[in-house]
Amino acid sequence: MNHPEIRNHSVVLFQGDSITDAGRSRMTVGSNSPEGMGYGYPRMIMDRLLEIFPDRNLQFYNRGVSGNRIQDLARRWPHDTLRLGPDLISILIGVNDTWNYLYLGMGSSPDEFRRILQKLLEDTRTELPDTNLILCEPFMLLTGEVTEEWNEDISQRQNHVRELAEEFEAVFVPFQSALDEIVSGGVSAEQLLEDGVHPTKRGHCLLADCWIERVLGSN
């Protein structure tokens, strides 16, 4: 796996749904704003990388939007992603597609999810050929609102994300595996994901640690 180089003046963008949004302010849209980054894993990653690389003048943006499905992300991709010209794009999407598809018929099927995500990545490679891609694994735990009938659907989406990461030579961040490992060690699911989907502070810390470990590599 190739690790992206964190260069001077790198622009790092986080995209996704409410897990990435994490209560970010829409009033502060500039880079490196604590309020604009929200309280979740993107803010934690920003704080860590600014500490690790204090002299590289890194710029961080969070454009996650609560409730987004892959279709919603695709509609705003030109404005909220490509227009910013990021050097590194981190994408976490999929869990809203699962529950909307299972219960409301409004999400994407796993195959449609793959097709739309693949198109976004192709467009990004065309418009921003030197941009590094980070594909984060969508996840869930059996607690709160989540039931076992989610397993097959989200597993398919996880496989698609993993396969697309390989196809596009992106970094794959195994969030589900990281959560499962902690739970198997005796930590309860609700200590990590309060409703089976949305992380607690401890859960966000785990996601941030997993992301940094996979992305930084030997930086």
C-alpha atoms as a PDB file:
ATOM      1  CA  MET A   1       0.000   0.000   0.000  1.00  0.00           C
ATOM      2  CA  ASN A   2       1.288   3.450  -0.957  1.00  0.00           C
ATOM      3  CA  HIS A   3       1.043   6.075   1.760  1.00  0.00           C
ATOM      4  CA  PRO A   4       0.289   9.644   0.634  1.00  0.00           C
ATOM      5  CA  GLU A   5       2.972  12.170   1.371  1.00  0.00           C
ATOM      6  CA  ILE A   6       1.884  15.022   3.614  1.00  0.00           C
ATOM      7  CA  ARG A   7       3.643  17.893   1.848  1.00  0.00           C
ATOM      8  CA  ASN A   8       3.955  21.576   2.653  1.00  0.00           C
ATOM      9  CA  HIS A   9       0.628  23.398   2.166  1.00  0.00           C
ATOM     10  CA  SER A  10      -1.298  20.156   1.584  1.00  0.00           C
ATOM     11  CA  VAL A  11      -5.076  20.591   1.515  1.00  0.00           C
ATOM     12  CA  VAL A  12      -6.869  17.741   3.326  1.00  0.00           C
ATOM     13  CA  LEU A  13     -10.618  17.306   2.807  1.00  0.00           C
ATOM     14  CA  PHE A  14     -13.014  15.051   4.735  1.00  0.00           C
ATOM     15  CA  GLN A  15     -16.244  14.032   2.971  1.00  0.00           C
ATOM     16  CA  GLY A  16     -19.175  11.945   4.132  1.00  0.00           C
ATOM     17  CA  ASP A  17     -22.369  11.925   6.170  1.00  0.00           C
ATOM     18  CA  SER A  18     -23.246  12.738   9.796  1.00  0.00           C
ATOM     19  CA  ILE A  19     -20.353  10.678  11.174  1.00  0.00           C
ATOM     20  CA  THR A  20     -17.969  13.031   9.366  1.00  0.00           C
ATOM     21  CA  ASP A  21     -20.168  16.125   9.782  1.00  0.00           C
ATOM     22  CA  ALA A  22     -20.087  15.708  13.583  1.00  0.00           C
ATOM     23  CA  GLY A  23     -21.900  18.966  14.253  1.00  0.00           C
ATOM     24  CA  ARG A  24     -19.598  21.172  12.187  1.00  0.00           C
ATOM     25  CA  SER A  25     -20.500  24.840  11.850  1.00  0.00           C
ATOM     26  CA  ARG A  26     -21.643  26.082   8.439  1.00  0.00           C
ATOM     27  CA  MET A  27     -20.730  29.633   9.461  1.00  0.00           C
ATOM     28  CA  THR A  28     -16.972  29.014   9.390  1.00  0.00           C
ATOM     29  CA  VAL A  29     -16.008  27.531   6.033  1.00  0.00           C
ATOM     30  CA  GLY A  30     -12.315  28.438   5.999  1.00  0.00           C
ATOM     31  CA  SER A  31      -9.526  25.981   6.667  1.00  0.00           C
ATOM     32  CA  ASN A  32      -8.479  24.732  10.106  1.00  0.00           C
ATOM     33  CA  SER A  33     -11.503  26.126  11.929  1.00  0.00           C
ATOM     34  CA  PRO A  34     -12.224  24.045  15.057  1.00  0.00           C
ATOM     35  CA  GLU A  35     -15.934  24.809  14.755  1.00  0.00           C
ATOM     36  CA  GLY A  36     -15.907  24.120  11.038  1.00  0.00           C
ATOM     37  CA  MET A  37     -14.258  20.728  11.576  1.00  0.00           C
ATOM     38  CA  GLY A  38     -16.876  19.520  14.079  1.00  0.00           C
ATOM     39  CA  TYR A  39     -16.250  17.459  17.209  1.00  0.00           C
ATOM     40  CA  GLY A  40     -15.534  14.084  15.569  1.00  0.00           C
ATOM     41  CA  TYR A  41     -12.709  12.146  13.958  1.00  0.00           C
ATOM     42  CA  PRO A  42     -11.854  14.824  11.305  1.00  0.00           C
ATOM     43  CA  ARG A  43     -11.200  17.398  14.033  1.00  0.00           C
ATOM     44  CA  MET A  44      -9.146  14.872  15.998  1.00  0.00           C
ATOM     45  CA  ILE A  45      -7.093  13.986  12.919  1.00  0.00           C
ATOM     46  CA  MET A  46      -6.530  17.673  12.131  1.00  0.00           C
ATOM     47  CA  ASP A  47      -5.308  18.367  15.663  1.00  0.00           C
ATOM     48  CA  ARG A  48      -2.925  15.401  15.547  1.00  0.00           C
ATOM     49  CA  LEU A  49      -1.482  16.193  12.122  1.00  0.00           C
ATOM     50  CA  LEU A  50      -0.978  19.871  12.959  1.00  0.00           C
ATOM     51  CA  GLU A  51       0.940  18.704  16.017  1.00  0.00           C
ATOM     52  CA  ILE A  52       3.001  16.163  14.043  1.00  0.00           C
ATOM     53  CA  PHE A  53       3.725  18.573  11.164  1.00  0.00           C
ATOM     54  CA  PRO A  54       3.729  22.048  12.756  1.00  0.00           C
ATOM     55  CA  ASP A  55       5.771  23.692   9.989  1.00  0.00           C
ATOM     56  CA  ARG A  56       3.963  22.331   6.904  1.00  0.00           C
ATOM     57  CA  ASN A  57       1.114  24.866   6.850  1.00  0.00           C
ATOM     58  CA  LEU A  58      -1.519  22.184   6.296  1.00  0.00           C
ATOM     59  CA  GLN A  59      -5.100  23.172   5.444  1.00  0.00           C
ATOM     60  CA  PHE A  60      -8.033  21.048   6.633  1.00  0.00           C
ATOM     61  CA  TYR A  61     -11.668  21.164   5.547  1.00  0.00           C
ATOM     62  CA  ASN A  62     -14.729  19.173   6.594  1.00  0.00           C
ATOM     63  CA  ARG A  63     -17.609  18.984   4.133  1.00  0.00           C
ATOM     64  CA  GLY A  64     -19.516  16.034   5.606  1.00  0.00           C
ATOM     65  CA  VAL A  65     -23.292  16.510   5.551  1.00  0.00           C
ATOM     66  CA  SER A  66     -25.617  14.714   7.950  1.00  0.00           C
ATOM     67  CA  GLY A  67     -28.024  12.307   6.270  1.00  0.00           C
ATOM     68  CA  ASN A  68     -26.089  12.066   3.026  1.00  0.00           C
ATOM     69  CA  ARG A  69     -26.323   8.982   0.825  1.00  0.00           C
ATOM     70  CA  ILE A  70     -23.974   8.320  -2.072  1.00  0.00           C
ATOM     71  CA  GLN A  71     -26.453  10.067  -4.420  1.00  0.00           C
ATOM     72  CA  ASP A  72     -26.342  13.211  -2.268  1.00  0.00           C
ATOM     73  CA  LEU A  73     -22.563  13.153  -2.149  1.00  0.00           C
ATOM     74  CA  ALA A  74     -22.448  12.841  -5.944  1.00  0.00           C
ATOM     75  CA  ARG A  75     -24.708  15.884  -6.422  1.00  0.00           C
ATOM     76  CA  ARG A  76     -22.459  18.153  -4.401  1.00  0.00           C
ATOM     77  CA  TRP A  77     -19.116  16.621  -5.448  1.00  0.00           C
ATOM     78  CA  PRO A  78     -18.165  19.318  -8.015  1.00  0.00           C
ATOM     79  CA  HIS A  79     -18.802  22.206  -5.603  1.00  0.00           C
ATOM     80  CA  ASP A  80     -17.889  20.688  -2.236  1.00  0.00           C
ATOM     81  CA  THR A  81     -14.912  18.590  -3.362  1.00  0.00           C
ATOM     82  CA  LEU A  82     -13.399  19.293  -6.768  1.00  0.00           C
ATOM     83  CA  ARG A  83     -13.668  23.068  -6.413  1.00  0.00           C
ATOM     84  CA  LEU A  84     -11.459  22.980  -3.297  1.00  0.00           C
ATOM     85  CA  GLY A  85      -8.635  21.255  -5.193  1.00  0.00           C
ATOM     86  CA  PRO A  86      -7.604  19.036  -2.266  1.00  0.00           C
ATOM     87  CA  ASP A  87      -4.333  17.125  -2.205  1.00  0.00           C
ATOM     88  CA  LEU A  88      -5.945  14.414  -0.098  1.00  0.00           C
ATOM     89  CA  ILE A  89      -9.629  13.420   0.015  1.00  0.00           C
ATOM     90  CA  SER A  90     -10.951  11.167   2.771  1.00  0.00           C
ATOM     91  CA  ILE A  91     -14.375   9.635   2.035  1.00  0.00           C
ATOM     92  CA  LEU A  92     -16.680   7.832   4.487  1.00  0.00           C
ATOM     93  CA  ILE A  93     -20.121   7.053   3.067  1.00  0.00           C
ATOM     94  CA  GLY A  94     -22.551   4.131   2.974  1.00  0.00           C
ATOM     95  CA  VAL A  95     -24.426   3.580   6.225  1.00  0.00           C
ATOM     96  CA  ASN A  96     -27.300   5.917   5.259  1.00  0.00           C
ATOM     97  CA  ASP A  97     -27.577   4.045   1.970  1.00  0.00           C
ATOM     98  CA  THR A  98     -28.008   0.812   3.930  1.00  0.00           C
ATOM     99  CA  TRP A  99     -30.795   1.900   6.263  1.00  0.00           C
ATOM    100  CA  ASN A 100     -32.597   3.950   3.597  1.00  0.00           C
ATOM    101  CA  TYR A 101     -32.439   1.008   1.195  1.00  0.00           C
ATOM    102  CA  LEU A 102     -33.634  -1.530   3.771  1.00  0.00           C
ATOM    103  CA  TYR A 103     -36.432   0.485   5.355  1.00  0.00           C
ATOM    104  CA  LEU A 104     -37.444   3.390   3.117  1.00  0.00           C
ATOM    105  CA  GLY A 105     -36.499   2.337  -0.400  1.00  0.00           C
ATOM    106  CA  MET A 106     -34.653   5.653  -0.790  1.00  0.00           C
ATOM    107  CA  GLY A 107     -31.032   4.606  -0.585  1.00  0.00           C
ATOM    108  CA  SER A 108     -28.917   2.898  -3.200  1.00  0.00           C
ATOM    109  CA  SER A 109     -28.607  -0.826  -3.753  1.00  0.00           C
ATOM    110  CA  PRO A 110     -25.076  -2.096  -3.059  1.00  0.00           C
ATOM    111  CA  ASP A 111     -24.409  -2.324  -6.813  1.00  0.00           C
ATOM    112  CA  GLU A 112     -25.677   1.205  -7.439  1.00  0.00           C
ATOM    113  CA  PHE A 113     -23.591   2.413  -4.518  1.00  0.00           C
ATOM    114  CA  ARG A 114     -20.496   0.953  -6.147  1.00  0.00           C
ATOM    115  CA  ARG A 115     -21.330   2.429  -9.550  1.00  0.00           C
ATOM    116  CA  ILE A 116     -21.817   5.966  -8.201  1.00  0.00           C
ATOM    117  CA  LEU A 117     -18.736   5.851  -5.975  1.00  0.00           C
ATOM    118  CA  GLN A 118     -16.651   4.534  -8.873  1.00  0.00           C
ATOM    119  CA  LYS A 119     -17.859   7.431 -11.051  1.00  0.00           C
ATOM    120  CA  LEU A 120     -16.905   9.959  -8.350  1.00  0.00           C
ATOM    121  CA  LEU A 121     -13.427   8.476  -8.137  1.00  0.00           C
ATOM    122  CA  GLU A 122     -13.060   8.462 -11.925  1.00  0.00           C
ATOM    123  CA  ASP A 123     -14.130  12.111 -12.103  1.00  0.00           C
ATOM    124  CA  THR A 124     -11.674  12.996  -9.366  1.00  0.00           C
ATOM    125  CA  ARG A 125      -8.810  11.224 -11.128  1.00  0.00           C
ATOM    126  CA  THR A 126      -9.662  13.179 -14.287  1.00  0.00           C
ATOM    127  CA  GLU A 127      -9.987  16.586 -12.628  1.00  0.00           C
ATOM    128  CA  LEU A 128      -7.343  16.147  -9.911  1.00  0.00           C
ATOM    129  CA  PRO A 129      -4.925  13.475 -11.135  1.00  0.00           C
ATOM    130  CA  ASP A 130      -2.384  14.050  -8.361  1.00  0.00           C
ATOM    131  CA  THR A 131      -4.891  13.943  -5.491  1.00  0.00           C
ATOM    132  CA  ASN A 132      -4.496  11.140  -2.969  1.00  0.00           C
ATOM    133  CA  LEU A 133      -7.657   9.167  -2.190  1.00  0.00           C
ATOM    134  CA  ILE A 134      -8.542   7.728   1.211  1.00  0.00           C
ATOM    135  CA  LEU A 135     -11.531   5.355   1.258  1.00  0.00           C
ATOM    136  CA  CYS A 136     -12.898   4.635   4.716  1.00  0.00           C
ATOM    137  CA  GLU A 137     -14.878   1.486   5.425  1.00  0.00           C
ATOM    138  CA  PRO A 138     -18.528   2.118   6.369  1.00  0.00           C
ATOM    139  CA  PHE A 139     -19.389   0.414   9.637  1.00  0.00           C
ATOM    140  CA  MET A 140     -22.004  -0.598  12.194  1.00  0.00           C
ATOM    141  CA  LEU A 141     -22.263  -2.527  15.439  1.00  0.00           C
ATOM    142  CA  LEU A 142     -25.219  -4.531  16.723  1.00  0.00           C
ATOM    143  CA  THR A 143     -26.603  -2.102  19.262  1.00  0.00           C
ATOM    144  CA  GLY A 144     -29.185   0.678  19.362  1.00  0.00           C
ATOM    145  CA  GLU A 145     -31.111   0.890  16.091  1.00  0.00           C
ATOM    146  CA  VAL A 146     -28.970  -1.630  14.219  1.00  0.00           C
ATOM    147  CA  THR A 147     -30.217  -5.183  13.714  1.00  0.00           C
ATOM    148  CA  GLU A 148     -28.721  -8.279  12.129  1.00  0.00           C
ATOM    149  CA  GLU A 149     -30.583  -7.666   8.874  1.00  0.00           C
ATOM    150  CA  TRP A 150     -28.103  -4.845   8.208  1.00  0.00           C
ATOM    151  CA  ASN A 151     -25.177  -7.271   8.032  1.00  0.00           C
ATOM    152  CA  GLU A 152     -25.451  -8.574   4.483  1.00  0.00           C
ATOM    153  CA  ASP A 153     -26.157  -5.190   2.907  1.00  0.00           C
ATOM    154  CA  ILE A 154     -23.417  -3.220   4.619  1.00  0.00           C
ATOM    155  CA  SER A 155     -20.965  -6.081   4.111  1.00  0.00           C
ATOM    156  CA  GLN A 156     -21.464  -5.760   0.358  1.00  0.00           C
ATOM    157  CA  ARG A 157     -20.810  -2.031   0.508  1.00  0.00           C
ATOM    158  CA  GLN A 158     -17.684  -2.605   2.579  1.00  0.00           C
ATOM    159  CA  ASN A 159     -16.409  -5.044  -0.036  1.00  0.00           C
ATOM    160  CA  HIS A 160     -17.099  -2.540  -2.805  1.00  0.00           C
ATOM    161  CA  VAL A 161     -15.165   0.185  -0.982  1.00  0.00           C
ATOM    162  CA  ARG A 162     -12.252  -2.190  -0.413  1.00  0.00           C
ATOM    163  CA  GLU A 163     -12.202  -3.238  -4.070  1.00  0.00           C
ATOM    164  CA  LEU A 164     -12.417   0.342  -5.324  1.00  0.00           C
ATOM    165  CA  ALA A 165      -9.555   1.332  -3.031  1.00  0.00           C
ATOM    166  CA  GLU A 166      -7.428  -1.297  -4.729  1.00  0.00           C
ATOM    167  CA  GLU A 167      -8.612  -0.301  -8.208  1.00  0.00           C
ATOM    168  CA  PHE A 168      -7.823   3.375  -7.680  1.00  0.00           C
ATOM    169  CA  GLU A 169      -4.675   2.781  -5.600  1.00  0.00           C
ATOM    170  CA  ALA A 170      -6.291   4.534  -2.658  1.00  0.00           C
ATOM    171  CA  VAL A 171      -5.605   3.971   1.006  1.00  0.00           C
ATOM    172  CA  PHE A 172      -8.282   1.740   2.563  1.00  0.00           C
ATOM    173  CA  VAL A 173      -9.058   2.534   6.212  1.00  0.00           C
ATOM    174  CA  PRO A 174     -10.617  -0.524   7.933  1.00  0.00           C
ATOM    175  CA  PHE A 175     -12.960   1.150  10.423  1.00  0.00           C
ATOM    176  CA  GLN A 176     -15.184  -1.929  10.824  1.00  0.00           C
ATOM    177  CA  SER A 177     -12.216  -4.149  11.613  1.00  0.00           C
ATOM    178  CA  ALA A 178     -10.899  -1.647  14.151  1.00  0.00           C
ATOM    179  CA  LEU A 179     -14.269  -1.505  15.917  1.00  0.00           C
ATOM    180  CA  ASP A 180     -14.720  -5.288  15.852  1.00  0.00           C
ATOM    181  CA  GLU A 181     -11.279  -5.793  17.380  1.00  0.00           C
ATOM    182  CA  ILE A 182     -12.039  -3.527  20.324  1.00  0.00           C
ATOM    183  CA  VAL A 183     -15.431  -5.149  20.904  1.00  0.00           C
ATOM    184  CA  SER A 184     -13.867  -8.618  20.827  1.00  0.00           C
ATOM    185  CA  GLY A 185     -11.542  -7.396  23.563  1.00  0.00           C
ATOM    186  CA  GLY A 186     -14.477  -6.736  25.886  1.00  0.00           C
ATOM    187  CA  VAL A 187     -15.557  -3.160  25.175  1.00  0.00           C
ATOM    188  CA  SER A 188     -19.318  -2.929  24.704  1.00  0.00           C
ATOM    189  CA  ALA A 189     -20.659  -1.778  21.342  1.00  0.00           C
ATOM    190  CA  GLU A 190     -22.593   1.120  22.875  1.00  0.00           C
ATOM    191  CA  GLN A 191     -19.378   2.524  24.360  1.00  0.00           C
ATOM    192  CA  LEU A 192     -18.157   3.034  20.778  1.00  0.00           C
ATOM    193  CA  LEU A 193     -21.313   3.663  18.724  1.00  0.00           C
ATOM    194  CA  GLU A 194     -24.170   5.086  20.749  1.00  0.00           C
ATOM    195  CA  ASP A 195     -26.899   3.845  18.399  1.00  0.00           C
ATOM    196  CA  GLY A 196     -24.964   1.298  16.381  1.00  0.00           C
ATOM    197  CA  VAL A 197     -23.897   3.935  13.833  1.00  0.00           C
ATOM    198  CA  HIS A 198     -22.881   7.270  15.394  1.00  0.00           C
ATOM    199  CA  PRO A 199     -19.628   7.204  17.372  1.00  0.00           C
ATOM    200  CA  THR A 200     -19.238   8.276  20.944  1.00  0.00           C
ATOM    201  CA  LYS A 201     -16.154  10.335  21.796  1.00  0.00           C
ATOM    202  CA  ARG A 202     -14.315   7.070  22.400  1.00  0.00           C
ATOM    203  CA  GLY A 203     -15.522   5.795  19.036  1.00  0.00           C
ATOM    204  CA  HIS A 204     -14.341   8.914  17.218  1.00  0.00           C
ATOM    205  CA  CYS A 205     -10.941   8.592  18.917  1.00  0.00           C
ATOM    206  CA  LEU A 206     -10.717   5.011  17.659  1.00  0.00           C
ATOM    207  CA  LEU A 207     -11.581   6.102  14.093  1.00  0.00           C
ATOM    208  CA  ALA A 208      -8.972   8.864  14.231  1.00  0.00           C
ATOM    209  CA  ASP A 209      -6.286   6.462  15.490  1.00  0.00           C
ATOM    210  CA  CYS A 210      -7.135   3.940  12.763  1.00  0.00           C
ATOM    211  CA  TRP A 211      -7.071   6.625  10.038  1.00  0.00           C
ATOM    212  CA  ILE A 212      -3.735   8.051  11.134  1.00  0.00           C
ATOM    213  CA  GLU A 213      -2.139   4.616  11.396  1.00  0.00           C
ATOM    214  CA  ARG A 214      -3.237   3.644   7.888  1.00  0.00           C
ATOM    215  CA  VAL A 215      -2.649   6.991   6.178  1.00  0.00           C
ATOM    216  CA  LEU A 216       0.594   8.189   7.685  1.00  0.00           C
ATOM    217  CA  GLY A 217       2.578   4.986   7.344  1.00  0.00           C
ATOM    218  CA  SER A 218       6.173   6.128   7.171  1.00  0.00           C
ATOM    219  CA  ASN A 219       5.471   9.859   6.830  1.00  0.00           C
END
